[in-house]
C-alpha cells in the first residue's frame, strides 16, 4: 500500500504539481496551502471552498499532520508554557512558549530525541529516534499559537534534537514558516541552534538566509569541549570557529554563542579569559546560561556572583554578552525533561 502524502510539508510549487497529479486545476494548490498554513485548518472538512470530490481525493491520498496536545505546564513565575505533543506514530516531543516584552517566542524540537550526547542535556539520554518532518515542526508553532490565541513572532529551533542533523527538513520548515502565504514570520526572527556540525554550518551559510545561527559552544578550549560535547571529537573548535566566521561572511548575520555555565567546570576567570581570546574580533554575541540541573548528571549551577563576574570579564574584553533570563525553572524547563518524565511514567 502506497504511503499517504504528507501534504503540509509540501511547498507551493510541489502542491501545484500534486494538484495536477490529482487532476485538479493548479489554483487549488494556493487555496489548500492557505487553509493549512494561514487559517491552520485541522481537518479537511473545514476547507469550505474546496469541492466535495477534491476533499474525498485528499482524504484518500493525504495525511494532514496535526499534533495532539498531551500536556501543558504553565510557570507560575513568568507564564512560560511547556507543551508535550503526541505524534501520529506514538512518539512525543516538547516545545516551549516564552513571553517577552518584544513578543511571543516559541522554542521547537527538530527531532525525537538526539544522538549528539552533550553531557548536560536531557534530550540525548535515550538517543535519537527520528527526525521530525517539516509539518511536525510547523505544527508545534501552529498549535501553540492556537492555544494561546495570540501571534507568535519569534521561533527558535533549540528544543530537543540537533537541527542540522535534520538538515533538509529544517530548510523546508524555514521556507514554509516564513512564506508570505503562511504565518509569514520574518527570517530575522528565526534562530537555529547547532552543537557544531561543520559541513552543515557551511552549507547553511551558502543558503544565504537571514536567520540567526546560534552555536552551542559551552567551553573555551578544545579539551574541555570534548569532555562536555562528543561532537568535538569529530570537529575541532578551530574548525567550528572558522565555519562560524564563514557564516557571517556569507550572510552578514552575527553569530550567537550559547555558553552553559557549569559550576567548577567552565566558569572560572581563566575560562572567561580564554573565551575572550577565542572570540576576539568576531561580530558575535554570547548568551550565558546558568546550567539547568538534571538528575542524571552531577552538574551544578554557579552562584549568581560567579555568573556576573564571568559576564563582566567578557565585557571588559569587548565581548557582547547577556545572561539568559531563566524561564520555566518550576516546570522542568531544561530541554528533554518533560518528555523524559512522561516516558518514565508510562
Protein backbone atom coordinates (compact mmCIF):
# COMPACT_ATOMS: atom_id res chain seq x y z
CA UNK A 1 0.00 0.00 0.00
CA UNK A 2 1.38 3.40 -1.01
CA UNK A 3 2.07 5.76 1.91
CA UNK A 4 -0.09 8.87 2.10
CA UNK A 5 1.43 12.22 1.08
CA UNK A 6 2.43 14.49 3.98
CA UNK A 7 0.66 17.42 2.34
CA UNK A 8 1.50 20.02 5.00
CA UNK A 9 5.21 19.53 4.25
CA UNK A 10 4.82 20.46 0.55
CA UNK A 11 5.79 23.92 -0.67
CA UNK A 12 3.52 25.78 -3.10
CA UNK A 13 5.28 24.52 -6.24
CA UNK A 14 5.13 20.92 -5.02
CA UNK A 15 1.47 21.43 -4.11
CA UNK A 16 0.66 22.64 -7.64
CA UNK A 17 2.30 19.55 -9.13
CA UNK A 18 0.38 17.37 -6.66
CA UNK A 19 -2.94 19.01 -7.60
CA UNK A 20 -2.26 18.39 -11.30
CA UNK A 21 -1.49 14.75 -10.47
CA UNK A 22 -4.94 14.56 -8.84
CA UNK A 23 -6.49 16.03 -11.99
CA UNK A 24 -7.19 19.40 -10.36
CA UNK A 25 -6.51 22.98 -11.50
CA UNK A 26 -3.21 24.46 -10.16
CA UNK A 27 -5.02 27.37 -8.41
CA UNK A 28 -6.45 24.84 -5.95
CA UNK A 29 -2.91 24.48 -4.56
CA UNK A 30 -2.89 28.03 -3.19
CA UNK A 31 -6.34 27.61 -1.64
CA UNK A 32 -5.25 24.42 0.09
CA UNK A 33 -1.94 25.98 1.15
CA UNK A 34 -3.74 28.93 2.77
CA UNK A 35 -6.16 26.64 4.59
CA UNK A 36 -3.25 24.74 6.13
CA UNK A 37 -0.74 27.49 6.80
CA UNK A 38 -2.67 30.75 7.13
CA UNK A 39 -6.00 29.58 8.56
CA UNK A 40 -4.39 26.50 10.12
CA UNK A 41 -7.31 24.16 9.49
CA UNK A 42 -7.06 20.94 11.50
CA UNK A 43 -9.37 18.86 9.25
CA UNK A 44 -10.14 18.74 5.54
CA UNK A 45 -13.83 19.30 6.34
CA UNK A 46 -13.01 22.89 7.38
CA UNK A 47 -11.86 23.75 3.84
CA UNK A 48 -15.22 25.09 2.65
CA UNK A 49 -14.22 26.44 -0.77
CA UNK A 50 -12.86 23.08 -1.99
CA UNK A 51 -15.20 20.73 -3.85
CA UNK A 52 -16.54 17.58 -2.23
CA UNK A 53 -14.78 15.50 -4.91
CA UNK A 54 -11.40 17.13 -4.18
CA UNK A 55 -11.85 16.69 -0.42
CA UNK A 56 -12.51 12.97 -0.97
CA UNK A 57 -9.33 12.70 -3.07
CA UNK A 58 -7.34 14.48 -0.34
CA UNK A 59 -8.66 12.22 2.40
CA UNK A 60 -7.80 9.14 0.35
CA UNK A 61 -4.29 10.18 -0.65
CA UNK A 62 -3.04 12.63 2.00
CA UNK A 63 -2.13 12.86 5.64
CA UNK A 64 -2.95 16.19 7.28
CA UNK A 65 -0.47 16.42 10.15
CA UNK A 66 -2.00 17.84 13.34
CA UNK A 67 -0.23 17.39 16.67
CA UNK A 68 -2.20 16.33 19.72
CA UNK A 69 -1.55 18.31 22.90
CA UNK A 70 -0.73 15.68 25.51
CA UNK A 71 0.13 18.00 28.39
CA UNK A 72 0.96 21.62 29.16
CA UNK A 73 2.74 23.04 32.19
CA UNK A 74 2.43 26.76 32.94
CA UNK A 75 5.05 28.52 35.06
CA UNK A 76 3.70 30.50 37.99
CA UNK A 77 6.88 32.57 37.90
CA UNK A 78 6.83 34.01 34.38
CA UNK A 79 3.97 32.49 32.33
CA UNK A 80 6.30 30.23 30.34
CA UNK A 81 4.39 27.27 28.93
CA UNK A 82 5.90 23.87 28.25
CA UNK A 83 3.95 21.66 25.86
CA UNK A 84 4.12 17.92 25.29
CA UNK A 85 2.77 16.90 21.88
CA UNK A 86 1.92 13.39 20.67
CA UNK A 87 2.93 12.44 17.12
CA UNK A 88 0.93 10.09 14.90
CA UNK A 89 3.45 7.24 15.43
CA UNK A 90 3.13 7.33 19.24
CA UNK A 91 6.28 9.35 19.92
CA UNK A 92 6.15 12.54 21.99
CA UNK A 93 8.03 15.82 21.64
CA UNK A 94 8.14 19.02 23.65
CA UNK A 95 8.03 22.72 22.83
CA UNK A 96 8.20 25.87 24.94
CA UNK A 97 6.40 29.20 24.73
CA UNK A 98 8.28 32.13 26.28
CA UNK A 99 6.66 35.52 26.73
CA UNK A 100 8.87 38.57 26.26
CA UNK A 101 8.15 42.30 26.00
CA UNK A 102 9.01 42.10 22.29
CA UNK A 103 6.51 39.28 21.63
CA UNK A 104 5.81 35.58 21.95
CA UNK A 105 8.71 33.24 21.24
CA UNK A 106 8.34 29.50 20.63
CA UNK A 107 11.20 27.06 21.05
CA UNK A 108 10.58 23.92 18.99
CA UNK A 109 12.09 20.47 18.75
CA UNK A 110 13.59 19.26 15.46
CA UNK A 111 13.99 15.56 16.33
CA UNK A 112 12.53 12.90 18.60
CA UNK A 113 15.47 12.51 20.96
CA UNK A 114 19.03 13.34 19.88
CA UNK A 115 22.26 11.48 19.15
CA UNK A 116 24.73 14.26 19.94
CA UNK A 117 25.34 13.15 23.54
CA UNK A 118 26.00 16.57 25.14
CA UNK A 119 26.69 15.81 28.80
CA UNK A 120 24.33 18.32 30.42
CA UNK A 121 21.28 17.75 28.19
CA UNK A 122 18.26 15.52 28.97
CA UNK A 123 17.23 15.31 25.28
CA UNK A 124 20.08 12.99 24.41
CA UNK A 125 19.86 10.47 27.28
CA UNK A 126 17.86 7.90 25.27
CA UNK A 127 19.48 8.64 21.89
CA UNK A 128 17.85 9.56 18.58
CA UNK A 129 14.53 8.05 17.49
CA UNK A 130 13.99 10.03 14.26
CA UNK A 131 13.98 13.48 12.67
CA UNK A 132 10.76 15.49 12.55
CA UNK A 133 9.06 16.30 9.26
CA UNK A 134 8.62 19.96 8.22
CA UNK A 135 4.90 19.66 9.07
CA UNK A 136 5.67 18.34 12.58
CA UNK A 137 8.00 21.28 13.19
CA UNK A 138 5.43 23.77 11.89
CA UNK A 139 2.64 22.20 13.91
CA UNK A 140 4.42 22.98 17.18
CA UNK A 141 4.19 26.68 16.27
CA UNK A 142 0.62 26.42 14.97
CA UNK A 143 -0.79 24.51 17.97
CA UNK A 144 0.85 26.84 20.50
CA UNK A 145 -0.41 29.92 18.63
CA UNK A 146 -3.93 28.43 18.55
CA UNK A 147 -3.81 27.51 22.25
CA UNK A 148 -2.62 30.99 23.16
CA UNK A 149 -4.90 32.85 20.74
CA UNK A 150 -2.01 35.23 20.03
CA UNK A 151 0.53 35.74 17.27
CA UNK A 152 3.89 34.01 17.52
CA UNK A 153 6.59 36.47 16.48
CA UNK A 154 9.83 34.54 17.07
CA UNK A 155 10.77 30.89 16.52
CA UNK A 156 13.85 29.25 17.97
CA UNK A 157 14.89 25.77 16.79
CA UNK A 158 16.65 24.96 20.03
CA UNK A 159 14.49 22.27 21.68
CA UNK A 160 15.20 18.53 21.57
CA UNK A 161 17.38 17.38 18.70
CA UNK A 162 20.18 18.76 16.54
CA UNK A 163 18.55 20.80 13.72
CA UNK A 164 21.50 20.41 11.34
CA UNK A 165 21.22 16.63 11.77
CA UNK A 166 17.78 17.00 10.12
CA UNK A 167 19.03 19.46 7.52
CA UNK A 168 16.70 19.10 4.52
CA UNK A 169 13.56 19.07 6.66
CA UNK A 170 14.85 22.10 8.58
CA UNK A 171 15.33 24.13 5.38
CA UNK A 172 11.85 23.24 4.19
CA UNK A 173 10.38 24.15 7.58
CA UNK A 174 12.03 27.60 7.47
CA UNK A 175 10.73 28.20 3.92
CA UNK A 176 7.16 27.27 4.94
CA UNK A 177 7.28 29.25 8.20
CA UNK A 178 8.47 32.43 6.51
CA UNK A 179 6.34 32.16 3.34
CA UNK A 180 4.01 35.12 2.76
CA UNK A 181 1.03 32.77 2.27
CA UNK A 182 1.51 31.26 5.72
CA UNK A 183 2.49 32.74 9.10
CA UNK A 184 5.00 34.95 7.23
CA UNK A 185 7.37 35.18 10.20
CA UNK A 186 10.46 37.17 9.21
CA UNK A 187 13.62 35.10 8.70
CA UNK A 188 15.31 37.60 11.02
CA UNK A 189 13.02 36.31 13.79
CA UNK A 190 14.15 32.70 13.34
CA UNK A 191 17.13 31.26 15.23
CA UNK A 192 18.68 27.85 14.55
CA UNK A 193 20.94 26.28 17.17
CA UNK A 194 23.67 23.73 16.46
CA UNK A 195 26.27 21.92 18.53
CA UNK A 196 28.71 22.42 15.65
CA UNK A 197 28.30 20.14 12.61
CA UNK A 198 30.85 21.98 10.48
CA UNK A 199 29.88 20.91 6.91
CA UNK A 200 26.22 21.76 7.63
CA UNK A 201 27.09 25.19 9.05
CA UNK A 202 28.94 25.91 5.81
CA UNK A 203 26.04 24.62 3.68
CA UNK A 204 23.60 26.75 5.69
CA UNK A 205 25.83 29.79 5.18
CA UNK A 206 25.64 29.25 1.42
CA UNK A 207 21.81 29.30 1.55
CA UNK A 208 22.27 33.00 2.45
CA UNK A 209 19.19 33.12 4.66
CA UNK A 210 18.62 35.98 7.12
CA UNK A 211 18.20 33.66 10.13
CA UNK A 212 20.40 33.79 13.23
CA UNK A 213 22.83 30.94 13.79
CA UNK A 214 23.38 30.02 17.46
CA UNK A 215 26.36 27.80 18.22
CA UNK A 216 26.29 25.73 21.40
CA UNK A 217 29.85 26.44 22.50
CA UNK A 218 29.91 25.68 26.25
CA UNK A 219 33.71 25.60 26.50
CA UNK A 220 36.55 27.93 25.58
CA UNK A 221 39.08 25.23 24.69
CA UNK A 222 39.11 22.01 22.67
CA UNK A 223 39.85 19.57 25.52
CA UNK A 224 37.12 20.87 27.82
CA UNK A 225 34.66 20.97 24.92
CA UNK A 226 35.41 17.30 24.19
CA UNK A 227 34.51 16.45 27.80
CA UNK A 228 31.14 18.22 27.53
CA UNK A 229 30.26 17.64 23.88
CA UNK A 230 31.18 14.44 21.99
CA UNK A 231 30.75 16.25 18.64
CA UNK A 232 34.05 17.99 19.44
CA UNK A 233 35.82 14.66 18.84
CA UNK A 234 34.82 14.93 15.18
CA UNK A 235 35.09 18.68 14.60
CA UNK A 236 37.77 20.70 16.35
CA UNK A 237 36.99 24.05 17.95
CA UNK A 238 39.13 25.85 15.35
CA UNK A 239 37.12 24.21 12.51
CA UNK A 240 33.85 25.22 14.19
CA UNK A 241 35.01 28.82 14.66
CA UNK A 242 36.14 29.02 11.01
CA UNK A 243 32.68 27.80 9.95
CA UNK A 244 31.04 30.49 12.11
CA UNK A 245 33.21 33.18 10.53
CA UNK A 246 32.23 31.81 7.12
CA UNK A 247 28.55 32.03 8.12
CA UNK A 248 28.98 35.73 8.96
CA UNK A 249 30.93 36.37 5.75
CA UNK A 250 28.15 34.79 3.62
CA UNK A 251 25.11 36.21 5.41
CA UNK A 252 26.21 39.35 7.29
CA UNK A 253 24.34 37.93 10.32
CA UNK A 254 26.24 37.97 13.60
CA UNK A 255 26.56 34.58 15.27
CA UNK A 256 25.23 33.90 18.76
CA UNK A 257 27.29 31.67 21.05
CA UNK A 258 25.42 29.70 23.72
CA UNK A 259 27.55 29.07 26.80
CA UNK A 260 26.06 26.96 29.62
CA UNK A 261 27.86 27.86 32.83
CA UNK A 262 28.61 24.80 34.99
CA UNK A 263 29.97 25.41 38.48
CA UNK A 264 33.66 24.49 38.74
CA UNK A 265 33.77 23.18 35.17
CA UNK A 266 33.77 26.13 32.75
CA UNK A 267 33.02 29.22 34.86
CA UNK A 268 36.49 30.23 36.07
CA UNK A 269 38.33 33.53 35.37
CA UNK A 270 40.68 31.51 33.16
CA UNK A 271 37.71 30.25 31.12
CA UNK A 272 36.46 33.83 30.65
CA UNK A 273 39.92 34.94 29.53
CA UNK A 274 40.25 32.02 27.09
CA UNK A 275 36.72 32.62 25.72
CA UNK A 276 37.50 36.31 25.16
CA UNK A 277 40.62 35.38 23.19
CA UNK A 278 38.68 32.80 21.16
CA UNK A 279 36.01 35.31 20.11
CA UNK A 280 38.25 38.35 19.74
CA UNK A 281 37.48 40.36 16.61
CA UNK A 282 34.31 38.46 15.75
CA UNK A 283 30.92 40.13 15.22
CA UNK A 284 29.10 37.97 17.76
CA UNK A 285 27.04 37.79 20.91
CA UNK A 286 27.40 35.44 23.90
CA UNK A 287 24.37 34.06 25.73
CA UNK A 288 25.44 32.94 29.19
CA UNK A 289 23.12 30.23 30.50
CA UNK A 290 23.39 29.05 34.13
CA UNK A 291 23.04 25.28 33.59
CA UNK A 292 19.63 23.70 34.25
CA UNK A 293 20.46 20.75 36.56
CA UNK A 294 19.10 17.32 35.56
CA UNK A 295 19.05 14.37 37.94
CA UNK A 296 21.02 12.08 35.60
CA UNK A 297 24.09 14.36 35.76
CA UNK A 298 26.02 15.94 38.61
CA UNK A 299 26.43 19.38 37.09
CA UNK A 300 25.59 22.31 39.35
CA UNK A 301 24.62 25.87 38.61
CA UNK A 302 27.22 28.52 39.56
CA UNK A 303 26.48 31.13 42.23
CA UNK A 304 24.99 34.37 40.89
CA UNK A 305 28.21 36.26 41.69
CA UNK A 306 30.27 33.83 39.57
CA UNK A 307 27.86 34.31 36.64
CA UNK A 308 28.04 38.12 36.89
CA UNK A 309 31.85 38.06 37.23
CA UNK A 310 32.12 35.89 34.10
CA UNK A 311 29.94 38.32 32.12
CA UNK A 312 31.92 41.35 33.30
CA UNK A 313 35.21 39.73 32.32
CA UNK A 314 33.90 39.13 28.80
CA UNK A 315 32.62 42.71 28.51
CA UNK A 316 35.94 44.16 29.69
CA UNK A 317 37.50 42.33 26.75
CA UNK A 318 34.98 43.81 24.30
CA UNK A 319 32.73 40.73 24.01
CA UNK A 320 28.99 41.45 23.89
CA UNK A 321 27.33 39.16 26.49
CA UNK A 322 23.99 38.71 28.22
CA UNK A 323 22.82 36.35 30.94
CA UNK A 324 19.80 34.47 29.66
CA UNK A 325 16.81 35.08 31.90
CA UNK A 326 15.78 31.76 33.40
CA UNK A 327 12.40 30.73 32.08
CA UNK A 328 10.20 27.97 33.43
CA UNK A 329 12.53 26.61 36.10
CA UNK A 330 9.48 25.48 38.10
CA UNK A 331 8.11 23.43 35.16
CA UNK A 332 11.08 21.23 34.15
CA UNK A 333 12.46 23.91 31.86
CA UNK A 334 15.54 22.09 30.53
CA UNK A 335 15.39 20.51 27.06
CA UNK A 336 14.03 16.98 27.16
CA UNK A 337 12.99 16.92 30.84
CA UNK A 338 9.22 16.86 30.35
CA UNK A 339 9.39 14.21 27.62
CA UNK A 340 11.68 12.04 29.75
CA UNK A 341 9.35 12.31 32.77
CA UNK A 342 6.36 11.37 30.59
CA UNK A 343 8.09 8.31 29.12
CA UNK A 344 9.29 7.11 32.56
CA UNK A 345 5.76 7.44 33.98
CA UNK A 346 4.17 5.25 31.27
